[in-house]
């Protein structure tokens, strides 16, 4: 597909899908229209880049659908977020699309990937887009990346069963963490989008809306032992 056709598809994604879906932040919408999402999906699926679906990246990982991603990101952009000073930890960006968006919205971005191939893809894509103030690091997602913290925003690209307490010191006081907490008994990966905030050294959260998103690895609750059913 020619570049002009992809540009029209992104414009249509914003005007026909994201705005009607409730996304209002003008800087976020501008970044979603400008950044070529088609470069972040497998080449065979480039035509599906702006469609309302999660795109498989292999190994059980996905790129979140545009509306789910945008709705979560918009919640992080509320005050006290500042485009000139806020620092972001982008957890599990896959091929780096969310990192590219954050690089257009925040002053400093760290992308953490645990899959070596995805980390390399993220690095390549960011270099191509000249996102010079975003860096890519590799390690377990569940550990975060405390050496560059604390962060004003921790953004989790997918659903989790729990948010580790080790993330608390990685947030600034008043900083926020955006994720979707999955319902373990659900037959589909439906969960509640939540905005966590660090206040007085502890995390509290506000439920936002229901959202169906892919699961991020490493955040499952420990198996529980039951006298009736053994380990469950």
C-alpha atoms as a PDB file:
ATOM      1  CA  UNK A   1       0.000   0.000   0.000  1.00  0.00           C
ATOM      2  CA  UNK A   2       1.445   3.440  -0.890  1.00  0.00           C
ATOM      3  CA  UNK A   3       2.450   5.761   1.954  1.00  0.00           C
ATOM      4  CA  UNK A   4      -0.374   8.158   1.057  1.00  0.00           C
ATOM      5  CA  UNK A   5      -2.911   5.366   1.507  1.00  0.00           C
ATOM      6  CA  UNK A   6      -1.515   4.508   4.935  1.00  0.00           C
ATOM      7  CA  UNK A   7      -1.697   8.190   5.891  1.00  0.00           C
ATOM      8  CA  UNK A   8      -5.368   8.294   4.858  1.00  0.00           C
ATOM      9  CA  UNK A   9      -6.015   5.111   6.852  1.00  0.00           C
ATOM     10  CA  UNK A  10      -4.481   6.659   9.975  1.00  0.00           C
ATOM     11  CA  UNK A  11      -6.526   9.825   9.498  1.00  0.00           C
ATOM     12  CA  UNK A  12      -9.661   7.726   9.176  1.00  0.00           C
ATOM     13  CA  UNK A  13      -8.663   5.739  12.285  1.00  0.00           C
ATOM     14  CA  UNK A  14      -8.566   8.979  14.262  1.00  0.00           C
ATOM     15  CA  UNK A  15     -11.700  10.637  12.871  1.00  0.00           C
ATOM     16  CA  UNK A  16     -13.943   7.585  12.474  1.00  0.00           C
ATOM     17  CA  UNK A  17     -12.835   5.378  15.345  1.00  0.00           C
ATOM     18  CA  UNK A  18     -10.773   7.049  18.061  1.00  0.00           C
ATOM     19  CA  UNK A  19     -12.691  10.315  18.392  1.00  0.00           C
ATOM     20  CA  UNK A  20     -16.102   8.557  18.433  1.00  0.00           C
ATOM     21  CA  UNK A  21     -14.572   6.098  20.926  1.00  0.00           C
ATOM     22  CA  UNK A  22     -14.034   8.947  23.382  1.00  0.00           C
ATOM     23  CA  UNK A  23     -10.383   9.915  22.823  1.00  0.00           C
ATOM     24  CA  UNK A  24     -10.124  13.701  23.059  1.00  0.00           C
ATOM     25  CA  UNK A  25      -6.542  14.747  23.884  1.00  0.00           C
ATOM     26  CA  UNK A  26      -5.357  16.755  20.853  1.00  0.00           C
ATOM     27  CA  UNK A  27      -1.644  15.962  21.255  1.00  0.00           C
ATOM     28  CA  UNK A  28      -2.363  12.256  21.527  1.00  0.00           C
ATOM     29  CA  UNK A  29      -4.660  12.301  18.494  1.00  0.00           C
ATOM     30  CA  UNK A  30      -2.037  14.178  16.484  1.00  0.00           C
ATOM     31  CA  UNK A  31       0.612  11.603  17.402  1.00  0.00           C
ATOM     32  CA  UNK A  32      -1.715   8.719  16.525  1.00  0.00           C
ATOM     33  CA  UNK A  33      -2.327  10.225  13.097  1.00  0.00           C
ATOM     34  CA  UNK A  34       1.307  11.093  12.417  1.00  0.00           C
ATOM     35  CA  UNK A  35       3.185   8.004  13.617  1.00  0.00           C
ATOM     36  CA  UNK A  36       3.112   5.189  11.031  1.00  0.00           C
ATOM     37  CA  UNK A  37       1.545   2.326  12.984  1.00  0.00           C
ATOM     38  CA  UNK A  38       1.909   0.124   9.896  1.00  0.00           C
ATOM     39  CA  UNK A  39       5.679  -0.019  10.501  1.00  0.00           C
ATOM     40  CA  UNK A  40       5.154  -1.707  13.867  1.00  0.00           C
ATOM     41  CA  UNK A  41       3.139  -4.716  12.714  1.00  0.00           C
ATOM     42  CA  UNK A  42       4.364  -7.746  10.728  1.00  0.00           C
ATOM     43  CA  UNK A  43       4.612  -6.731   7.065  1.00  0.00           C
ATOM     44  CA  UNK A  44       1.996  -9.295   6.019  1.00  0.00           C
ATOM     45  CA  UNK A  45      -0.509  -7.547   8.319  1.00  0.00           C
ATOM     46  CA  UNK A  46       0.349  -3.933   7.495  1.00  0.00           C
ATOM     47  CA  UNK A  47      -3.106  -3.356   5.968  1.00  0.00           C
ATOM     48  CA  UNK A  48      -4.634  -4.256   9.339  1.00  0.00           C
ATOM     49  CA  UNK A  49      -2.546  -1.745  11.281  1.00  0.00           C
ATOM     50  CA  UNK A  50      -5.392   0.734  11.796  1.00  0.00           C
ATOM     51  CA  UNK A  51      -8.157  -1.844  12.251  1.00  0.00           C
ATOM     52  CA  UNK A  52      -9.833  -2.343  15.639  1.00  0.00           C
ATOM     53  CA  UNK A  53      -8.017  -5.516  16.652  1.00  0.00           C
ATOM     54  CA  UNK A  54      -4.997  -6.687  18.599  1.00  0.00           C
ATOM     55  CA  UNK A  55      -2.231  -7.607  16.155  1.00  0.00           C
ATOM     56  CA  UNK A  56      -0.251 -10.795  16.992  1.00  0.00           C
ATOM     57  CA  UNK A  57       3.520 -10.322  17.109  1.00  0.00           C
ATOM     58  CA  UNK A  58       4.420 -13.953  17.824  1.00  0.00           C
ATOM     59  CA  UNK A  59       5.310 -15.717  21.060  1.00  0.00           C
ATOM     60  CA  UNK A  60       1.951 -14.918  22.598  1.00  0.00           C
ATOM     61  CA  UNK A  61       2.553 -11.163  22.408  1.00  0.00           C
ATOM     62  CA  UNK A  62       0.293  -8.618  20.735  1.00  0.00           C
ATOM     63  CA  UNK A  63       0.140  -4.984  19.743  1.00  0.00           C
ATOM     64  CA  UNK A  64      -2.916  -3.541  21.490  1.00  0.00           C
ATOM     65  CA  UNK A  65      -5.703  -2.307  19.251  1.00  0.00           C
ATOM     66  CA  UNK A  66      -5.563   1.461  18.649  1.00  0.00           C
ATOM     67  CA  UNK A  67      -8.632   2.407  20.692  1.00  0.00           C
ATOM     68  CA  UNK A  68      -7.671   0.367  23.768  1.00  0.00           C
ATOM     69  CA  UNK A  69      -4.170   1.826  23.665  1.00  0.00           C
ATOM     70  CA  UNK A  70      -5.367   5.390  23.153  1.00  0.00           C
ATOM     71  CA  UNK A  71      -7.950   5.246  25.936  1.00  0.00           C
ATOM     72  CA  UNK A  72      -5.347   4.023  28.422  1.00  0.00           C
ATOM     73  CA  UNK A  73      -2.730   6.538  27.321  1.00  0.00           C
ATOM     74  CA  UNK A  74      -5.164   9.431  27.561  1.00  0.00           C
ATOM     75  CA  UNK A  75      -5.747   8.664  31.240  1.00  0.00           C
ATOM     76  CA  UNK A  76      -2.016   9.043  31.888  1.00  0.00           C
ATOM     77  CA  UNK A  77      -1.946  12.446  30.158  1.00  0.00           C
ATOM     78  CA  UNK A  78      -4.198  14.073  32.727  1.00  0.00           C
ATOM     79  CA  UNK A  79      -2.686  16.565  35.227  1.00  0.00           C
ATOM     80  CA  UNK A  80      -0.103  16.618  36.691  1.00  0.00           C
ATOM     81  CA  UNK A  81       1.413  15.141  33.494  1.00  0.00           C
ATOM     82  CA  UNK A  82       3.728  17.616  31.754  1.00  0.00           C
ATOM     83  CA  UNK A  83       5.052  17.160  28.210  1.00  0.00           C
ATOM     84  CA  UNK A  84       8.211  19.089  29.114  1.00  0.00           C
ATOM     85  CA  UNK A  85       9.172  17.247  32.292  1.00  0.00           C
ATOM     86  CA  UNK A  86       7.291  13.948  32.729  1.00  0.00           C
ATOM     87  CA  UNK A  87       9.283  10.724  32.510  1.00  0.00           C
ATOM     88  CA  UNK A  88       7.638   7.505  31.314  1.00  0.00           C
ATOM     89  CA  UNK A  89       8.414   3.808  31.758  1.00  0.00           C
ATOM     90  CA  UNK A  90       6.747   1.958  28.889  1.00  0.00           C
ATOM     91  CA  UNK A  91       6.354  -1.695  29.889  1.00  0.00           C
ATOM     92  CA  UNK A  92       6.068  -4.364  27.204  1.00  0.00           C
ATOM     93  CA  UNK A  93       5.827  -2.180  24.081  1.00  0.00           C
ATOM     94  CA  UNK A  94       6.278  -5.146  21.722  1.00  0.00           C
ATOM     95  CA  UNK A  95       7.659  -3.592  18.549  1.00  0.00           C
ATOM     96  CA  UNK A  96       7.666  -0.106  20.067  1.00  0.00           C
ATOM     97  CA  UNK A  97       4.530   1.625  18.811  1.00  0.00           C
ATOM     98  CA  UNK A  98       3.485   2.850  22.256  1.00  0.00           C
ATOM     99  CA  UNK A  99       7.062   4.016  22.914  1.00  0.00           C
ATOM    100  CA  UNK A 100       7.025   6.062  19.709  1.00  0.00           C
ATOM    101  CA  UNK A 101       3.779   7.678  20.853  1.00  0.00           C
ATOM    102  CA  UNK A 102       5.178   8.421  24.296  1.00  0.00           C
ATOM    103  CA  UNK A 103       8.300   9.894  22.706  1.00  0.00           C
ATOM    104  CA  UNK A 104       6.026  12.430  21.003  1.00  0.00           C
ATOM    105  CA  UNK A 105       4.246  13.236  24.266  1.00  0.00           C
ATOM    106  CA  UNK A 106       6.802  13.142  27.106  1.00  0.00           C
ATOM    107  CA  UNK A 107      10.276  14.466  27.786  1.00  0.00           C
ATOM    108  CA  UNK A 108      11.973  11.143  28.510  1.00  0.00           C
ATOM    109  CA  UNK A 109      10.883   7.557  27.805  1.00  0.00           C
ATOM    110  CA  UNK A 110      12.316   4.189  28.819  1.00  0.00           C
ATOM    111  CA  UNK A 111      10.930   1.169  26.959  1.00  0.00           C
ATOM    112  CA  UNK A 112      11.311  -2.126  28.833  1.00  0.00           C
ATOM    113  CA  UNK A 113      11.015  -5.381  26.881  1.00  0.00           C
ATOM    114  CA  UNK A 114      11.894  -8.878  28.072  1.00  0.00           C
ATOM    115  CA  UNK A 115      11.735 -10.556  24.656  1.00  0.00           C
ATOM    116  CA  UNK A 116      15.103 -10.019  22.871  1.00  0.00           C
ATOM    117  CA  UNK A 117      13.589  -9.998  19.371  1.00  0.00           C
ATOM    118  CA  UNK A 118      10.913  -7.487  20.359  1.00  0.00           C
ATOM    119  CA  UNK A 119      13.455  -5.294  22.148  1.00  0.00           C
ATOM    120  CA  UNK A 120      15.576  -5.267  18.978  1.00  0.00           C
ATOM    121  CA  UNK A 121      12.525  -4.422  16.856  1.00  0.00           C
ATOM    122  CA  UNK A 122      11.619  -1.569  19.194  1.00  0.00           C
ATOM    123  CA  UNK A 123      15.146  -0.183  18.978  1.00  0.00           C
ATOM    124  CA  UNK A 124      15.153  -0.400  15.180  1.00  0.00           C
ATOM    125  CA  UNK A 125      11.775   1.291  14.851  1.00  0.00           C
ATOM    126  CA  UNK A 126      12.693   4.127  17.208  1.00  0.00           C
ATOM    127  CA  UNK A 127      15.940   4.782  15.322  1.00  0.00           C
ATOM    128  CA  UNK A 128      14.026   4.922  12.036  1.00  0.00           C
ATOM    129  CA  UNK A 129      11.636   7.468  13.524  1.00  0.00           C
ATOM    130  CA  UNK A 130      14.501   9.420  15.137  1.00  0.00           C
ATOM    131  CA  UNK A 131      12.917   9.193  18.568  1.00  0.00           C
ATOM    132  CA  UNK A 132      16.157  10.291  20.186  1.00  0.00           C
ATOM    133  CA  UNK A 133      14.888  10.801  23.746  1.00  0.00           C
ATOM    134  CA  UNK A 134      13.515   7.248  24.066  1.00  0.00           C
ATOM    135  CA  UNK A 135      15.768   4.398  25.150  1.00  0.00           C
ATOM    136  CA  UNK A 136      15.198   0.631  25.036  1.00  0.00           C
ATOM    137  CA  UNK A 137      16.258  -1.699  27.851  1.00  0.00           C
ATOM    138  CA  UNK A 138      15.799  -5.444  28.261  1.00  0.00           C
ATOM    139  CA  UNK A 139      14.731  -7.356  31.362  1.00  0.00           C
ATOM    140  CA  UNK A 140      11.766  -9.031  33.063  1.00  0.00           C
ATOM    141  CA  UNK A 141       8.677  -6.854  32.811  1.00  0.00           C
ATOM    142  CA  UNK A 142       7.603  -7.758  36.350  1.00  0.00           C
ATOM    143  CA  UNK A 143      10.723  -6.102  37.790  1.00  0.00           C
ATOM    144  CA  UNK A 144      10.287  -2.758  36.091  1.00  0.00           C
ATOM    145  CA  UNK A 145      13.454  -0.719  35.588  1.00  0.00           C
ATOM    146  CA  UNK A 146      14.290   0.981  38.902  1.00  0.00           C
ATOM    147  CA  UNK A 147      17.749   2.210  37.901  1.00  0.00           C
ATOM    148  CA  UNK A 148      16.278   5.000  35.766  1.00  0.00           C
ATOM    149  CA  UNK A 149      13.372   5.773  38.079  1.00  0.00           C
ATOM    150  CA  UNK A 150      11.396   7.157  39.624  1.00  0.00           C
ATOM    151  CA  UNK A 151       8.949   7.795  36.795  1.00  0.00           C
ATOM    152  CA  UNK A 152       5.961  10.089  36.525  1.00  0.00           C
ATOM    153  CA  UNK A 153       4.105   7.467  34.466  1.00  0.00           C
ATOM    154  CA  UNK A 154       4.393   3.681  34.282  1.00  0.00           C
ATOM    155  CA  UNK A 155       2.390   2.391  31.346  1.00  0.00           C
ATOM    156  CA  UNK A 156       1.642  -1.331  30.983  1.00  0.00           C
ATOM    157  CA  UNK A 157       0.898  -2.540  27.453  1.00  0.00           C
ATOM    158  CA  UNK A 158      -1.562  -5.251  28.369  1.00  0.00           C
ATOM    159  CA  UNK A 159      -3.471  -6.883  31.169  1.00  0.00           C
ATOM    160  CA  UNK A 160      -2.142  -8.202  34.480  1.00  0.00           C
ATOM    161  CA  UNK A 161      -3.579 -10.096  37.421  1.00  0.00           C
ATOM    162  CA  UNK A 162      -1.689  -7.989  39.948  1.00  0.00           C
ATOM    163  CA  UNK A 163       0.574  -4.937  40.132  1.00  0.00           C
ATOM    164  CA  UNK A 164       3.771  -5.803  42.052  1.00  0.00           C
ATOM    165  CA  UNK A 165       4.465  -3.748  45.160  1.00  0.00           C
ATOM    166  CA  UNK A 166       8.015  -3.297  43.830  1.00  0.00           C
ATOM    167  CA  UNK A 167       6.592  -0.752  41.392  1.00  0.00           C
ATOM    168  CA  UNK A 168       5.718   1.684  44.203  1.00  0.00           C
ATOM    169  CA  UNK A 169       9.244   3.110  44.658  1.00  0.00           C
ATOM    170  CA  UNK A 170       9.600   3.339  40.870  1.00  0.00           C
ATOM    171  CA  UNK A 171       6.883   6.026  40.799  1.00  0.00           C
ATOM    172  CA  UNK A 172       7.295   9.625  41.830  1.00  0.00           C
ATOM    173  CA  UNK A 173       5.012  10.866  44.582  1.00  0.00           C
ATOM    174  CA  UNK A 174       1.795  11.702  42.741  1.00  0.00           C
ATOM    175  CA  UNK A 175       2.892   9.641  39.734  1.00  0.00           C
ATOM    176  CA  UNK A 176       0.510   7.229  38.041  1.00  0.00           C
ATOM    177  CA  UNK A 177       0.504   3.690  36.683  1.00  0.00           C
ATOM    178  CA  UNK A 178      -1.948   2.661  33.960  1.00  0.00           C
ATOM    179  CA  UNK A 179      -2.916  -0.953  33.383  1.00  0.00           C
ATOM    180  CA  UNK A 180      -5.836  -3.346  32.998  1.00  0.00           C
ATOM    181  CA  UNK A 181      -6.419  -5.771  35.861  1.00  0.00           C
ATOM    182  CA  UNK A 182      -7.796  -8.975  34.401  1.00  0.00           C
ATOM    183  CA  UNK A 183     -10.566 -11.062  35.890  1.00  0.00           C
ATOM    184  CA  UNK A 184      -8.974 -14.508  36.336  1.00  0.00           C
ATOM    185  CA  UNK A 185     -12.275 -16.370  36.003  1.00  0.00           C
ATOM    186  CA  UNK A 186     -13.316 -14.674  32.761  1.00  0.00           C
ATOM    187  CA  UNK A 187     -13.511 -16.777  29.613  1.00  0.00           C
ATOM    188  CA  UNK A 188     -12.056 -13.850  27.652  1.00  0.00           C
ATOM    189  CA  UNK A 189      -9.313 -11.465  28.713  1.00  0.00           C
ATOM    190  CA  UNK A 190     -11.671  -8.788  29.968  1.00  0.00           C
ATOM    191  CA  UNK A 191     -10.612  -6.611  32.822  1.00  0.00           C
ATOM    192  CA  UNK A 192     -10.904  -3.222  34.478  1.00  0.00           C
ATOM    193  CA  UNK A 193      -8.696  -0.380  33.302  1.00  0.00           C
ATOM    194  CA  UNK A 194      -7.218   1.301  36.357  1.00  0.00           C
ATOM    195  CA  UNK A 195      -5.232   4.418  37.146  1.00  0.00           C
ATOM    196  CA  UNK A 196      -2.985   3.811  40.145  1.00  0.00           C
ATOM    197  CA  UNK A 197      -1.397   6.771  41.948  1.00  0.00           C
ATOM    198  CA  UNK A 198       1.371   6.905  44.519  1.00  0.00           C
ATOM    199  CA  UNK A 199       0.263   8.863  47.557  1.00  0.00           C
ATOM    200  CA  UNK A 200       2.230   8.947  50.826  1.00  0.00           C
ATOM    201  CA  UNK A 201       4.393   6.073  49.625  1.00  0.00           C
ATOM    202  CA  UNK A 202       1.509   3.716  48.777  1.00  0.00           C
ATOM    203  CA  UNK A 203      -0.575   2.900  45.713  1.00  0.00           C
ATOM    204  CA  UNK A 204      -4.283   3.583  45.486  1.00  0.00           C
ATOM    205  CA  UNK A 205      -6.356   3.130  42.369  1.00  0.00           C
ATOM    206  CA  UNK A 206      -9.429   4.359  40.567  1.00  0.00           C
ATOM    207  CA  UNK A 207     -11.361   2.061  38.245  1.00  0.00           C
ATOM    208  CA  UNK A 208     -11.913   3.588  34.812  1.00  0.00           C
ATOM    209  CA  UNK A 209     -13.747   1.289  32.371  1.00  0.00           C
ATOM    210  CA  UNK A 210     -13.886  -2.311  31.193  1.00  0.00           C
ATOM    211  CA  UNK A 211     -11.375  -3.227  28.527  1.00  0.00           C
ATOM    212  CA  UNK A 212     -10.386  -6.393  26.678  1.00  0.00           C
ATOM    213  CA  UNK A 213      -6.614  -6.518  26.171  1.00  0.00           C
ATOM    214  CA  UNK A 214      -3.886  -9.151  25.711  1.00  0.00           C
ATOM    215  CA  UNK A 215      -2.139 -10.405  28.828  1.00  0.00           C
ATOM    216  CA  UNK A 216       1.397  -9.341  29.690  1.00  0.00           C
ATOM    217  CA  UNK A 217       3.732 -12.163  30.840  1.00  0.00           C
ATOM    218  CA  UNK A 218       4.964 -12.390  34.406  1.00  0.00           C
ATOM    219  CA  UNK A 219       2.107 -10.790  36.344  1.00  0.00           C
ATOM    220  CA  UNK A 220      -0.052 -13.809  37.180  1.00  0.00           C
ATOM    221  CA  UNK A 221      -1.170 -14.319  40.764  1.00  0.00           C
ATOM    222  CA  UNK A 222       0.599 -17.137  42.636  1.00  0.00           C
ATOM    223  CA  UNK A 223      -1.161 -20.496  42.456  1.00  0.00           C
ATOM    224  CA  UNK A 224      -3.428 -21.056  45.458  1.00  0.00           C
ATOM    225  CA  UNK A 225      -3.775 -24.353  47.315  1.00  0.00           C
ATOM    226  CA  UNK A 226      -7.220 -25.636  48.102  1.00  0.00           C
ATOM    227  CA  UNK A 227      -8.078 -28.732  50.181  1.00  0.00           C
ATOM    228  CA  UNK A 228     -10.814 -29.623  47.715  1.00  0.00           C
ATOM    229  CA  UNK A 229      -8.997 -29.141  44.464  1.00  0.00           C
ATOM    230  CA  UNK A 230      -5.276 -29.071  45.200  1.00  0.00           C
ATOM    231  CA  UNK A 231      -3.373 -26.294  43.501  1.00  0.00           C
ATOM    232  CA  UNK A 232      -5.608 -23.860  41.623  1.00  0.00           C
END
